[in-house]
Every structure is written in C-alpha cells, then in structure tokens.
Amino acid sequence: MPEMLTTDQWKAKAAGLSLQNKAFIGGQYVASASGETFDCISPCDGALLTQVANCGAEDVDRAVAAARAAFEKGDWRNMAPKDRKAALMRFAQLIEDHTEELAVMETIDAGKPIKHTLSSDIPGAVKTLRWYAEAIDKVYDRIAPTRTDALALVTHEPMGVVAAVMPWNYPLYLAYGWKIAPALAAGNSVILKPAEQSPLTALRAAEFAVAAGIPEGVFTVLPGIGELTGRALGLHPDVDCITFTGSSEVGKKFLEYSGQSNMKRVSLECGGKSPNIVMGDCPDMAVAAKVSAAGIFGNQGEVCNAGSRLIVQDSIKDQLMELLIAESNAYAPGDPLDPTSENGAMVDETQMNRVLGYIDSGKSEGANLVIGGERVLEETGGYYIPPTVFDQVDNKMTIAQEEIFGPVLSVITCTDVDDAIAIGNDSNFGLAAGIWTRDITAAHKAARELRAGFVYINTYDASDLSAPFGGYKQSGIGRDKSIDAIHKYCEVKTTWIELS
C-alpha cells in the first residue's frame, strides 16, 4: 500500500487529478451520441468535479453491438484458459499500479475516507480480479452418471453479453471485483453501467482492460442516469444477462424489463435490513459492541448487509447500549481526505436527505433518539451525518422495516432466542443476520431458522472470497463471490453421446 500522506498532500493530489468523463466503447473513450452530460458532484464539499457523458439508447445500441461482435468473433471466449487468466492478471496489476490515483478519485467522488479507499477498496478490487483470474483454469466441467453405454457431458458456456448495473457505495470494488471479474473469467463480453453518483474510477480504469490484452469490445463502460441507461440495458433484446446490485425497488424493475424483452437472465443483490442478535450469554460484550458498531456505522452505513437492527436480550440491553454508544464515537464523520477520518460523507445530497427523512420518521413514530440524528459539518458544503442510534424501536416501525442505507441503528429488545429469530425474520429482506451466544444449540438453531443468505455467529460482516454472498426474499436472486459467481454467468449445456 502506498505511504499515507497528510491531508494537505491528499488535497493537492485531488486537485491534480485528470478526470475521465466519457464512455468507453469498442476500446475507445467517446462522448454520448446526444452530447448530453450530467453533473458529477463531490459529496465532500458539494463542488462540481466534472460533467460526465449521459449515455442513452443510441449509446446502448452501439455498446451492445460492439460487445456482441466481440463475443461472436470469439477471441476472448475461445482464448485458452491460461491466456485469459494472464490477461485478467495484467488487468489487476494495472489497477494496482494506479492505486493512489484511484483511491483519491474514489474519495472525492463517493465521499469515502482515503484511509479506506487506499487500504481496502482499491486493493479489494485488485485481490478479487486476481482471485477470479486464478480460478479460470481450475474450474472443471462434469460427466453425468448415466448408463454405461451413454456419455453425458455437462459443460459451462459463457452467456454472451452481460450488463452489470452497479451501486455507488463501493464503486470500483463491487464493479471490477464482484461483477466484472467472474463475468469476464467465464468468457463473456461485459458492459458496466456505474452509478451516476460515483462513476469516475470505473471510467478511469476502463482503458486498463485493453492495455491488459482484453480484446476491444469485450469490456465497455457506459455512464448515465439509471432511468435512462440502466433501463435501456434492461430492455435491450441482445443483452443476455443483467446483474444488478442496489435497491429492491430497482431490482424489481429489471425483472420487469427481462419479461418485457428477451427473458434475459437476471441476478440481483438488493436491499437488506439485517438483524444482529445479541443474547444474554454473549461471549464478550465489548467485542460484540465494537463489531456491531462497525457493522452499522462503517462506510457511513452505506452497506447492503449492515446490521441495522440490533436485537438485544432484555437482560443485557443497558450494558450493551453503553458500550455501543462509546464505540460509535470512532465513526464521527470527518474530511474524507484527512487520513485519520474513519467515516466520510453521504454519497450525495439526495441520499443525505433520504437518511434524514428516516430519522424524522423514527422520531415521529415514537422511537427514542439516543445519539446523532442531524446533519453535521454543514459549513463544508458536504453531506455528513453522524452515527445515529434509536432505542425502544418496535419492529413494525418504518426505521425497522425499510432500508435506510445510512449510519442509523434501530435497537429492539427480545426476551429469548425464539423471540429474536421471530423478530429477525419479520422483514421483507433476508440478506444477512448475526447472533452472539455461547450456546452452540442456540447458534445452530438461529443459523438454521433465520431466513438470510449469510449468517454470522459471534461476529458480523466477516467473509472471504470463497464464500457465496446473496440473499433470501426481496434481498435478491443469485450469489456473488466464490466459484458460484463464475457459473452464474454461464449457460449449462448437456451433450448426450450414444455409445451402444
């Protein structure tokens, strides 16, 4: 990791950035066909960073045509696995070589602290690209167990043109790591639509694909407003797969677009309202408080699997609350370019106002606001909200049922593990859940009965690239990470050979 600089040094680097603001189609940066742009505003101070190409239906047609032509030509999908692996490795190396530049860009574009973009976000994208590159020549097909005078080959083939529509909370890591890496590893052509709130690092890194040896047209980046660019991709008859991370509301639209067009495959990683359960026999209350604070306040609370509902057994609630509030002090927002800041800004003014609206809802519905709850650092021009904790929350309240996507915690009291599980499952979402207990029986019961795609026991938000990630219910369809993600971007073909 590059050496950590001072705030003034980071500000100087930010001022010296050259910001790419055009689409990347067919291996070249191009303006939108209409010439239209949208403003890219820094959440750090509300300043205009640049104006980015707002790609419309004509641009989508051009991008899909280039992606389809590259796929049909077959230079990428038919490339020997070891060579495809080498190209993705070079791609990862080029991103790593530009870590400092991309980290500063991510910070000013998304409001994320330089401390984390430099040490976690950009390195995370590099690590994930390398993980999937390494997997390419280690994924085997199968032979079905048929009668002895027949042979059934089960093979995985790339789908074709995959469009990835991305969120704004981890712009480079989720896009280049969780989505692009497995889709490219499988041999597809990929069109990335970055979130309009934070498109800059995705655009900057696009040219590294061609420099790494990935054929022109195989990888495209189309910036634009979701209602325009994302919708056009969702409805396009020559897109074979849409993979989306974001809100459940928008995820449902992609299911509609699929049905209205060509029944394209749809994978969704959507909202969460994840329960983090702490029982009276928690192994270490201090650790639980520390990890729980990180699980909701980290990354400004802009995390899909944030432990936003803290369900605490009544016998320990007061003790845990005292520890948790003390831990929350570490997440006070600060200047994102200050290397000591643990938290930064909400991604834009719209999201800040949305979070403040939920806070008003919590107060009006009778929850007890313990800390936070207001905009801070307003004099900077940026969009900052401190850690906010509501106590005495009823699970039917809006703040307990709807995804806020900000540093807002709802504390709910339970009587026993059955009560905690019932409360945890009383949600439209099912992305993640956690339980803290010494009782191995209770832990297994919770893991079995909680309707969530990822269950943490005596921790929260711990993971590895080898572990699939995704949700139940309205938290989505399909899984990211692990080898499963490569297969997600493949069609399964059976070839039957009669030997008799």
Protein backbone atom coordinates (compact mmCIF):
# COMPACT_ATOMS: atom_id res chain seq x y z
CA MET A 1 0.00 0.00 0.00
CA PRO A 2 1.31 3.50 -0.81
CA GLU A 3 2.53 5.62 2.08
CA MET A 4 -0.20 7.57 3.91
CA LEU A 5 0.19 11.28 3.23
CA THR A 6 -1.09 14.33 5.09
CA THR A 7 -4.47 15.93 4.44
CA ASP A 8 -2.86 18.79 2.52
CA GLN A 9 -0.88 16.36 0.39
CA TRP A 10 -4.03 14.39 -0.45
CA LYS A 11 -5.85 17.60 -1.31
CA ALA A 12 -3.03 18.56 -3.65
CA LYS A 13 -3.25 15.17 -5.36
CA ALA A 14 -7.02 15.52 -5.67
CA ALA A 15 -6.61 18.94 -7.26
CA GLY A 16 -4.15 17.49 -9.78
CA LEU A 17 -6.35 14.62 -10.96
CA SER A 18 -7.30 14.28 -14.61
CA LEU A 19 -10.92 13.07 -14.54
CA GLN A 20 -12.16 10.84 -17.35
CA ASN A 21 -15.76 11.75 -18.18
CA LYS A 22 -16.50 9.90 -21.45
CA ALA A 23 -17.95 6.47 -22.15
CA PHE A 24 -15.63 3.60 -23.06
CA ILE A 25 -16.98 1.72 -26.11
CA GLY A 26 -15.10 -0.51 -28.54
CA GLY A 27 -11.80 0.16 -26.80
CA GLN A 28 -12.05 3.97 -27.03
CA TYR A 29 -13.35 6.87 -24.96
CA VAL A 30 -16.26 8.56 -26.71
CA ALA A 31 -18.85 11.23 -25.92
CA SER A 32 -22.51 10.27 -25.69
CA ALA A 33 -24.26 10.28 -29.06
CA SER A 34 -26.56 13.10 -27.91
CA GLY A 35 -23.75 15.08 -26.36
CA GLU A 36 -25.72 15.17 -23.12
CA THR A 37 -23.93 15.08 -19.77
CA PHE A 38 -24.77 15.02 -16.09
CA ASP A 39 -23.03 16.81 -13.24
CA CYS A 40 -20.67 14.79 -11.07
CA ILE A 41 -20.72 16.46 -7.64
CA SER A 42 -18.27 15.74 -4.82
CA PRO A 43 -20.12 14.87 -1.60
CA CYS A 44 -17.09 16.06 0.34
CA ASP A 45 -17.86 19.73 -0.31
CA GLY A 46 -20.68 19.93 -2.86
CA ALA A 47 -18.32 21.10 -5.62
CA LEU A 48 -18.69 20.18 -9.28
CA LEU A 49 -15.99 17.67 -10.26
CA THR A 50 -16.81 17.25 -13.95
CA GLN A 51 -19.66 16.63 -16.35
CA VAL A 52 -19.99 13.00 -17.39
CA ALA A 53 -21.43 11.55 -20.60
CA ASN A 54 -25.09 10.67 -20.14
CA CYS A 55 -25.47 7.64 -22.39
CA GLY A 56 -28.86 6.97 -23.95
CA ALA A 57 -30.49 4.31 -26.10
CA GLU A 58 -28.25 5.03 -29.11
CA ASP A 59 -25.13 4.60 -27.00
CA VAL A 60 -26.51 1.38 -25.52
CA ASP A 61 -27.20 0.04 -29.01
CA ARG A 62 -23.65 0.90 -30.06
CA ALA A 63 -22.15 -0.70 -26.95
CA VAL A 64 -24.22 -3.87 -27.22
CA ALA A 65 -23.37 -4.20 -30.90
CA ALA A 66 -19.65 -3.92 -30.12
CA ALA A 67 -19.95 -6.39 -27.25
CA ARG A 68 -21.91 -8.86 -29.39
CA ALA A 69 -19.45 -8.59 -32.26
CA ALA A 70 -16.54 -9.25 -29.92
CA PHE A 71 -18.34 -12.24 -28.41
CA GLU A 72 -19.22 -13.75 -31.78
CA LYS A 73 -15.70 -13.23 -33.05
CA GLY A 74 -14.64 -15.36 -30.12
CA ASP A 75 -11.15 -14.03 -29.41
CA TRP A 76 -11.94 -13.79 -25.69
CA ARG A 77 -14.39 -16.64 -25.08
CA ASN A 78 -12.25 -19.08 -27.07
CA MET A 79 -8.96 -17.91 -25.60
CA ALA A 80 -7.06 -20.66 -23.78
CA PRO A 81 -7.87 -20.50 -20.05
CA LYS A 82 -4.25 -19.81 -19.14
CA ASP A 83 -4.17 -16.85 -21.53
CA ARG A 84 -7.47 -15.42 -20.29
CA LYS A 85 -6.07 -15.81 -16.79
CA ALA A 86 -2.89 -13.93 -17.75
CA ALA A 87 -4.92 -11.05 -19.23
CA LEU A 88 -7.01 -10.65 -16.07
CA MET A 89 -3.83 -10.75 -14.01
CA ARG A 90 -2.40 -7.91 -16.10
CA PHE A 91 -5.68 -6.03 -15.68
CA ALA A 92 -5.41 -6.37 -11.90
CA GLN A 93 -1.77 -5.24 -11.96
CA LEU A 94 -2.60 -2.08 -13.89
CA ILE A 95 -5.25 -1.18 -11.34
CA GLU A 96 -2.78 -1.85 -8.53
CA ASP A 97 -0.18 0.34 -10.26
CA HIS A 98 -2.71 3.22 -10.09
CA THR A 99 -3.91 2.55 -6.53
CA GLU A 100 -3.14 6.01 -5.18
CA GLU A 101 -4.75 7.84 -8.10
CA LEU A 102 -7.88 5.68 -7.98
CA ALA A 103 -8.14 5.93 -4.20
CA VAL A 104 -8.11 9.74 -4.27
CA MET A 105 -10.62 9.73 -7.13
CA GLU A 106 -12.92 7.37 -5.24
CA THR A 107 -12.70 9.54 -2.14
CA ILE A 108 -13.69 12.80 -3.80
CA ASP A 109 -16.35 11.11 -5.96
CA ALA A 110 -18.08 8.91 -3.35
CA GLY A 111 -17.16 10.66 -0.08
CA LYS A 112 -15.32 7.62 1.26
CA PRO A 113 -12.33 8.21 3.57
CA ILE A 114 -8.93 8.00 1.89
CA LYS A 115 -7.92 5.74 4.77
CA HIS A 116 -10.22 3.03 3.40
CA THR A 117 -10.13 3.62 -0.34
CA LEU A 118 -6.34 3.31 -0.18
CA SER A 119 -6.12 0.32 2.15
CA SER A 120 -9.29 -1.61 1.34
CA ASP A 121 -11.42 -0.58 -1.61
CA ILE A 122 -8.89 -0.41 -4.44
CA PRO A 123 -6.80 -3.33 -3.09
CA GLY A 124 -10.06 -5.27 -2.73
CA ALA A 125 -10.80 -4.86 -6.43
CA VAL A 126 -7.26 -5.99 -7.29
CA LYS A 127 -7.45 -9.02 -4.98
CA THR A 128 -10.81 -10.11 -6.38
CA LEU A 129 -9.73 -9.77 -10.00
CA ARG A 130 -6.70 -11.92 -9.22
CA TRP A 131 -8.84 -14.49 -7.38
CA TYR A 132 -11.09 -15.00 -10.40
CA ALA A 133 -8.13 -14.97 -12.77
CA GLU A 134 -6.59 -17.80 -10.77
CA ALA A 135 -9.88 -19.70 -10.85
CA ILE A 136 -10.20 -19.71 -14.65
CA ASP A 137 -8.05 -22.79 -15.27
CA LYS A 138 -9.24 -24.59 -12.15
CA VAL A 139 -12.99 -24.81 -12.84
CA TYR A 140 -13.97 -28.22 -14.20
CA ASP A 141 -17.00 -29.41 -16.14
CA ARG A 142 -18.72 -32.71 -15.32
CA ILE A 143 -19.76 -36.09 -16.68
CA ALA A 144 -23.24 -37.17 -15.61
CA PRO A 145 -23.70 -40.64 -14.02
CA THR A 146 -25.55 -42.29 -16.90
CA ARG A 147 -25.86 -45.89 -18.05
CA THR A 148 -22.56 -47.35 -19.26
CA ASP A 149 -23.40 -47.25 -22.97
CA ALA A 150 -24.01 -43.49 -22.98
CA LEU A 151 -21.91 -40.45 -22.15
CA ALA A 152 -23.43 -37.16 -20.96
CA LEU A 153 -21.09 -34.18 -20.86
CA VAL A 154 -22.17 -31.24 -18.72
CA THR A 155 -20.34 -28.08 -19.76
CA HIS A 156 -20.50 -24.41 -18.82
CA GLU A 157 -20.51 -21.88 -21.65
CA PRO A 158 -20.42 -18.07 -21.42
CA MET A 159 -23.84 -16.44 -21.74
CA GLY A 160 -22.79 -13.77 -24.22
CA VAL A 161 -23.35 -10.10 -23.40
CA VAL A 162 -23.58 -9.38 -19.67
CA ALA A 163 -24.64 -5.94 -18.45
CA ALA A 164 -23.63 -5.02 -14.89
CA VAL A 165 -25.57 -2.15 -13.29
CA MET A 166 -23.77 -1.02 -10.19
CA PRO A 167 -24.38 0.83 -6.90
CA TRP A 168 -22.47 3.82 -5.59
CA ASN A 169 -21.25 2.60 -2.20
CA TYR A 170 -18.18 0.60 -3.36
CA PRO A 171 -17.75 1.90 -6.92
CA LEU A 172 -14.60 0.10 -8.05
CA TYR A 173 -14.54 -2.87 -5.69
CA LEU A 174 -18.04 -4.18 -6.39
CA ALA A 175 -17.89 -3.39 -10.11
CA TYR A 176 -14.44 -4.63 -11.07
CA GLY A 177 -14.29 -7.31 -8.39
CA TRP A 178 -17.65 -8.87 -7.64
CA LYS A 179 -19.22 -8.42 -11.10
CA ILE A 180 -16.75 -7.86 -13.91
CA ALA A 181 -14.12 -10.35 -12.74
CA PRO A 182 -16.30 -13.51 -12.73
CA ALA A 183 -18.23 -12.47 -15.84
CA LEU A 184 -15.01 -11.92 -17.79
CA ALA A 185 -13.47 -15.06 -16.31
CA ALA A 186 -16.38 -17.03 -17.76
CA GLY A 187 -15.63 -15.65 -21.24
CA ASN A 188 -18.43 -13.11 -21.63
CA SER A 189 -18.45 -9.62 -23.08
CA VAL A 190 -19.31 -7.21 -20.25
CA ILE A 191 -20.97 -3.78 -20.27
CA LEU A 192 -20.59 -1.89 -16.98
CA LYS A 193 -23.05 0.82 -16.06
CA PRO A 194 -21.58 2.60 -13.00
CA ALA A 195 -23.84 4.51 -10.63
CA GLU A 196 -24.26 8.11 -11.73
CA GLN A 197 -23.36 9.23 -8.19
CA SER A 198 -19.83 7.76 -8.40
CA PRO A 199 -18.72 6.88 -11.96
CA LEU A 200 -15.18 8.23 -12.08
CA THR A 201 -12.98 5.29 -11.06
CA ALA A 202 -14.91 2.88 -13.29
CA LEU A 203 -14.29 5.17 -16.25
CA ARG A 204 -10.62 5.74 -15.42
CA ALA A 205 -9.83 2.04 -15.10
CA ALA A 206 -11.70 1.02 -18.28
CA GLU A 207 -8.71 1.57 -20.57
CA PHE A 208 -6.63 -0.81 -18.47
CA ALA A 209 -8.66 -3.71 -19.90
CA VAL A 210 -7.42 -3.14 -23.44
CA ALA A 211 -3.89 -2.44 -22.20
CA ALA A 212 -4.03 -5.81 -20.40
CA GLY A 213 -4.83 -7.66 -23.62
CA ILE A 214 -8.60 -7.99 -23.34
CA PRO A 215 -9.91 -7.57 -26.91
CA GLU A 216 -11.68 -4.35 -27.85
CA GLY A 217 -15.44 -4.57 -27.36
CA VAL A 218 -15.20 -7.23 -24.67
CA PHE A 219 -15.32 -4.62 -21.92
CA THR A 220 -17.40 -1.44 -22.03
CA VAL A 221 -18.23 1.28 -19.51
CA LEU A 222 -21.43 3.26 -20.09
CA PRO A 223 -22.06 6.09 -17.63
CA GLY A 224 -25.52 7.56 -17.42
CA ILE A 225 -28.65 8.12 -15.37
CA GLY A 226 -30.22 4.87 -14.19
CA GLU A 227 -33.69 5.63 -15.53
CA LEU A 228 -32.16 6.13 -18.98
CA THR A 229 -29.04 3.99 -19.39
CA GLY A 230 -29.94 1.21 -16.95
CA ARG A 231 -33.45 0.89 -18.35
CA ALA A 232 -32.15 0.74 -21.94
CA LEU A 233 -29.77 -2.09 -20.98
CA GLY A 234 -32.54 -3.92 -19.13
CA LEU A 235 -34.85 -3.77 -22.14
CA HIS A 236 -32.24 -4.45 -24.82
CA PRO A 237 -33.06 -7.63 -26.77
CA ASP A 238 -29.41 -8.51 -27.37
CA VAL A 239 -28.27 -8.38 -23.74
CA ASP A 240 -28.19 -11.94 -22.41
CA CYS A 241 -27.84 -11.21 -18.70
CA ILE A 242 -28.36 -8.31 -16.31
CA THR A 243 -26.55 -8.37 -12.99
CA PHE A 244 -27.58 -5.65 -10.59
CA THR A 245 -26.64 -4.53 -7.09
CA GLY A 246 -28.79 -1.87 -5.49
CA SER A 247 -32.25 -1.30 -4.07
CA SER A 248 -35.00 -3.91 -4.18
CA GLU A 249 -37.26 -1.35 -5.83
CA VAL A 250 -34.93 -1.03 -8.82
CA GLY A 251 -34.18 -4.75 -8.80
CA LYS A 252 -37.88 -5.45 -9.44
CA LYS A 253 -37.74 -3.16 -12.47
CA PHE A 254 -35.02 -5.33 -14.01
CA LEU A 255 -37.25 -8.38 -13.60
CA GLU A 256 -39.96 -6.46 -15.46
CA TYR A 257 -37.52 -5.40 -18.18
CA SER A 258 -36.47 -9.01 -18.66
CA GLY A 259 -40.07 -10.11 -19.13
CA GLN A 260 -40.80 -7.23 -21.47
CA SER A 261 -37.80 -8.01 -23.68
CA ASN A 262 -35.98 -11.28 -24.26
CA MET A 263 -36.25 -13.09 -20.88
CA LYS A 264 -32.62 -12.25 -20.23
CA ARG A 265 -31.08 -13.84 -17.14
CA VAL A 266 -31.31 -11.58 -14.11
CA SER A 267 -29.19 -11.75 -10.96
CA LEU A 268 -29.95 -9.33 -8.15
CA GLU A 269 -28.17 -8.37 -4.93
CA CYS A 270 -30.64 -5.99 -3.37
CA GLY A 271 -31.65 -4.43 -0.10
CA GLY A 272 -31.18 -5.56 3.45
CA LYS A 273 -32.50 -4.88 6.93
CA SER A 274 -30.24 -7.34 8.63
CA PRO A 275 -30.79 -8.42 12.25
CA ASN A 276 -27.76 -8.57 14.53
CA ILE A 277 -28.84 -10.54 17.62
CA VAL A 278 -27.00 -10.31 20.94
CA MET A 279 -28.09 -12.80 23.59
CA GLY A 280 -27.52 -12.59 27.32
CA ASP A 281 -24.77 -15.21 27.16
CA CYS A 282 -22.77 -13.27 24.57
CA PRO A 283 -19.13 -14.49 24.82
CA ASP A 284 -17.66 -10.98 25.01
CA MET A 285 -19.89 -7.93 25.31
CA ALA A 286 -17.11 -5.46 24.49
CA VAL A 287 -16.25 -7.28 21.28
CA ALA A 288 -19.91 -7.52 20.33
CA ALA A 289 -20.33 -3.77 20.81
CA LYS A 290 -17.20 -2.97 18.79
CA VAL A 291 -18.11 -5.26 15.90
CA SER A 292 -21.76 -4.22 15.94
CA ALA A 293 -20.77 -0.56 15.71
CA ALA A 294 -18.55 -1.31 12.73
CA GLY A 295 -21.36 -3.37 11.21
CA ILE A 296 -23.74 -0.41 11.02
CA PHE A 297 -21.60 2.74 11.10
CA GLY A 298 -18.71 1.63 8.86
CA ASN A 299 -18.66 3.10 5.34
CA GLN A 300 -21.14 5.75 6.54
CA GLY A 301 -23.72 2.99 6.94
CA GLU A 302 -23.83 2.65 3.15
CA VAL A 303 -23.56 -1.14 3.22
CA CYS A 304 -26.16 -3.60 1.92
CA ASN A 305 -25.69 -6.13 4.73
CA ALA A 306 -25.33 -3.54 7.50
CA GLY A 307 -26.53 -4.82 10.88
CA SER A 308 -29.14 -2.08 11.03
CA ARG A 309 -31.43 -3.89 13.50
CA LEU A 310 -29.68 -4.65 16.79
CA ILE A 311 -31.88 -7.19 18.58
CA VAL A 312 -30.75 -7.42 22.21
CA GLN A 313 -31.92 -9.68 25.01
CA ASP A 314 -33.56 -7.54 27.68
CA SER A 315 -31.24 -8.68 30.49
CA ILE A 316 -28.14 -7.07 28.89
CA LYS A 317 -29.55 -4.24 26.81
CA ASP A 318 -28.49 -1.35 29.04
CA GLN A 319 -24.95 -2.69 29.37
CA LEU A 320 -24.58 -3.27 25.64
CA MET A 321 -26.04 0.13 24.78
CA GLU A 322 -23.47 1.89 26.96
CA LEU A 323 -20.62 0.05 25.25
CA LEU A 324 -22.08 0.58 21.77
CA ILE A 325 -22.53 4.32 22.19
CA ALA A 326 -18.92 4.60 23.34
CA GLU A 327 -17.79 2.69 20.25
CA SER A 328 -19.84 4.93 17.95
CA ASN A 329 -17.56 7.88 18.75
CA ALA A 330 -14.91 6.37 16.49
CA TYR A 331 -17.24 6.80 13.49
CA ALA A 332 -17.80 10.55 13.68
CA PRO A 333 -17.59 11.84 10.09
CA GLY A 334 -14.67 13.97 9.02
CA ASP A 335 -12.90 15.31 5.96
CA PRO A 336 -12.58 12.27 3.65
CA LEU A 337 -9.09 13.42 2.61
CA ASP A 338 -7.94 13.50 6.24
CA PRO A 339 -6.13 10.18 6.75
CA THR A 340 -7.43 9.96 10.33
CA SER A 341 -11.12 10.11 9.31
CA GLU A 342 -12.94 6.82 9.85
CA ASN A 343 -16.13 7.99 8.12
CA GLY A 344 -16.81 10.45 5.36
CA ALA A 345 -19.85 11.90 3.60
CA MET A 346 -23.13 10.51 2.32
CA VAL A 347 -22.74 9.95 -1.41
CA ASP A 348 -24.92 12.89 -2.42
CA GLU A 349 -27.44 15.41 -1.15
CA THR A 350 -30.37 13.21 -2.17
CA GLN A 351 -29.12 10.30 -0.04
CA MET A 352 -28.37 12.60 2.89
CA ASN A 353 -31.92 13.96 2.79
CA ARG A 354 -33.32 10.46 2.47
CA VAL A 355 -31.50 9.37 5.63
CA LEU A 356 -32.59 12.50 7.49
CA GLY A 357 -36.16 11.75 6.42
CA TYR A 358 -35.96 8.29 8.00
CA ILE A 359 -34.59 9.85 11.18
CA ASP A 360 -37.60 12.17 11.29
CA SER A 361 -39.84 9.15 10.76
CA GLY A 362 -38.25 7.33 13.70
CA LYS A 363 -38.83 10.28 15.99
CA SER A 364 -42.42 10.79 14.84
CA GLU A 365 -43.26 7.09 15.31
CA GLY A 366 -42.10 7.15 18.93
CA ALA A 367 -38.59 5.66 18.88
CA ASN A 368 -36.14 7.19 21.36
CA LEU A 369 -33.28 9.05 19.64
CA VAL A 370 -30.21 8.36 21.78
CA ILE A 371 -27.39 9.93 19.73
CA GLY A 372 -26.94 11.66 16.37
CA GLY A 373 -29.86 12.43 14.14
CA GLU A 374 -28.82 15.65 12.42
CA ARG A 375 -26.67 16.95 9.58
CA VAL A 376 -23.17 17.98 10.68
CA LEU A 377 -20.20 19.78 9.09
CA GLU A 378 -22.68 21.75 7.01
CA GLU A 379 -20.17 24.60 6.68
CA THR A 380 -18.04 22.39 4.42
CA GLY A 381 -20.79 22.20 1.82
CA GLY A 382 -20.64 18.39 2.09
CA TYR A 383 -23.24 15.84 3.13
CA TYR A 384 -22.41 14.44 6.57
CA ILE A 385 -24.49 12.53 9.13
CA PRO A 386 -23.03 11.18 12.41
CA PRO A 387 -23.74 7.75 13.93
CA THR A 388 -27.40 7.73 14.95
CA VAL A 389 -28.98 5.30 17.43
CA PHE A 390 -32.67 4.79 18.15
CA ASP A 391 -33.72 2.82 21.23
CA GLN A 392 -37.19 1.49 22.11
CA VAL A 393 -37.85 0.60 18.49
CA ASP A 394 -40.82 -1.55 17.58
CA ASN A 395 -40.09 -3.85 14.66
CA LYS A 396 -43.17 -2.55 12.85
CA MET A 397 -41.75 0.99 12.69
CA THR A 398 -40.57 2.33 9.35
CA ILE A 399 -36.97 2.58 10.53
CA ALA A 400 -37.05 -1.14 11.39
CA GLN A 401 -38.65 -2.27 8.15
CA GLU A 402 -37.16 -0.14 5.37
CA GLU A 403 -33.54 0.01 4.24
CA ILE A 404 -32.09 3.38 5.22
CA PHE A 405 -28.56 2.93 3.83
CA GLY A 406 -27.02 5.32 6.30
CA PRO A 407 -25.49 5.30 9.81
CA VAL A 408 -28.80 4.70 11.59
CA LEU A 409 -29.24 1.85 14.10
CA SER A 410 -32.56 0.56 15.45
CA VAL A 411 -32.28 -1.18 18.83
CA ILE A 412 -35.01 -3.74 19.52
CA THR A 413 -35.46 -5.74 22.72
CA CYS A 414 -36.10 -9.51 22.72
CA THR A 415 -36.84 -11.98 25.53
CA ASP A 416 -35.19 -15.18 24.27
CA VAL A 417 -33.71 -16.72 21.14
CA ASP A 418 -37.09 -17.72 19.70
CA ASP A 419 -38.33 -14.16 20.10
CA ALA A 420 -35.14 -12.84 18.49
CA ILE A 421 -35.47 -15.17 15.49
CA ALA A 422 -39.12 -14.22 15.03
CA ILE A 423 -38.24 -10.52 15.06
CA GLY A 424 -35.27 -11.10 12.75
CA ASN A 425 -37.44 -12.89 10.20
CA ASP A 426 -40.20 -10.27 10.35
CA SER A 427 -38.85 -8.41 7.31
CA ASN A 428 -39.21 -8.34 3.55
CA PHE A 429 -35.44 -8.72 3.35
CA GLY A 430 -33.11 -11.63 4.02
CA LEU A 431 -29.58 -10.66 3.09
CA ALA A 432 -27.63 -11.29 6.31
CA ALA A 433 -28.09 -11.96 10.01
CA GLY A 434 -25.92 -12.46 13.06
CA ILE A 435 -26.15 -13.94 16.54
CA TRP A 436 -23.86 -13.64 19.55
CA THR A 437 -24.16 -16.52 22.02
CA ARG A 438 -22.15 -19.15 23.90
CA ASP A 439 -24.96 -21.67 23.42
CA ILE A 440 -24.00 -23.84 20.46
CA THR A 441 -27.54 -25.17 20.22
CA ALA A 442 -28.99 -21.67 20.05
CA ALA A 443 -26.38 -20.68 17.47
CA HIS A 444 -27.25 -23.60 15.20
CA LYS A 445 -30.95 -23.02 15.70
CA ALA A 446 -30.56 -19.40 14.65
CA ALA A 447 -28.38 -20.29 11.67
CA ARG A 448 -30.99 -22.79 10.51
CA GLU A 449 -34.11 -20.72 11.13
CA LEU A 450 -33.03 -17.19 10.21
CA ARG A 451 -34.15 -16.52 6.64
CA ALA A 452 -30.95 -14.95 5.40
CA GLY A 453 -28.33 -15.81 2.82
CA PHE A 454 -25.40 -15.20 5.16
CA VAL A 455 -25.46 -15.84 8.93
CA TYR A 456 -22.65 -14.68 11.23
CA ILE A 457 -22.08 -16.36 14.60
CA ASN A 458 -20.14 -14.41 17.26
CA THR A 459 -19.04 -11.89 14.65
CA TYR A 460 -20.56 -9.67 12.00
CA ASP A 461 -19.63 -8.88 8.39
CA ALA A 462 -16.78 -11.39 8.28
CA SER A 463 -16.26 -13.11 4.95
CA ASP A 464 -13.92 -14.44 2.29
CA LEU A 465 -13.98 -14.56 -1.49
CA SER A 466 -14.53 -18.30 -1.31
CA ALA A 467 -17.91 -17.84 0.45
CA PRO A 468 -21.02 -17.12 -1.68
CA PHE A 469 -22.88 -13.90 -0.85
CA GLY A 470 -26.51 -13.07 -1.55
CA GLY A 471 -29.94 -13.02 -0.01
CA TYR A 472 -33.34 -14.55 0.52
CA LYS A 473 -36.72 -12.93 -0.14
CA GLN A 474 -36.53 -9.38 -1.55
CA SER A 475 -32.78 -9.22 -0.98
CA GLY A 476 -32.20 -10.74 -4.37
CA ILE A 477 -31.61 -13.67 -6.69
CA GLY A 478 -28.31 -15.50 -7.17
CA ARG A 479 -24.95 -15.21 -5.45
CA ASP A 480 -21.84 -13.08 -5.81
CA LYS A 481 -18.32 -14.18 -4.83
CA SER A 482 -16.96 -17.75 -4.86
CA ILE A 483 -16.84 -20.11 -7.83
CA ASP A 484 -20.63 -19.89 -7.89
CA ALA A 485 -20.32 -16.42 -9.40
CA ILE A 486 -18.46 -17.74 -12.46
CA HIS A 487 -21.18 -20.33 -13.03
CA LYS A 488 -23.80 -17.58 -12.63
CA TYR A 489 -22.57 -16.05 -15.87
CA CYS A 490 -22.66 -19.34 -17.76
CA GLU A 491 -25.25 -21.44 -19.52
CA VAL A 492 -25.22 -25.14 -18.68
CA LYS A 493 -25.19 -27.45 -21.69
CA THR A 494 -25.68 -31.21 -21.75
CA THR A 495 -24.17 -33.13 -24.66
CA TRP A 496 -25.50 -36.70 -24.90
CA ILE A 497 -23.37 -39.27 -26.74
CA GLU A 498 -24.89 -42.64 -27.51
CA LEU A 499 -22.26 -45.38 -27.30
CA SER A 500 -24.35 -48.54 -27.79
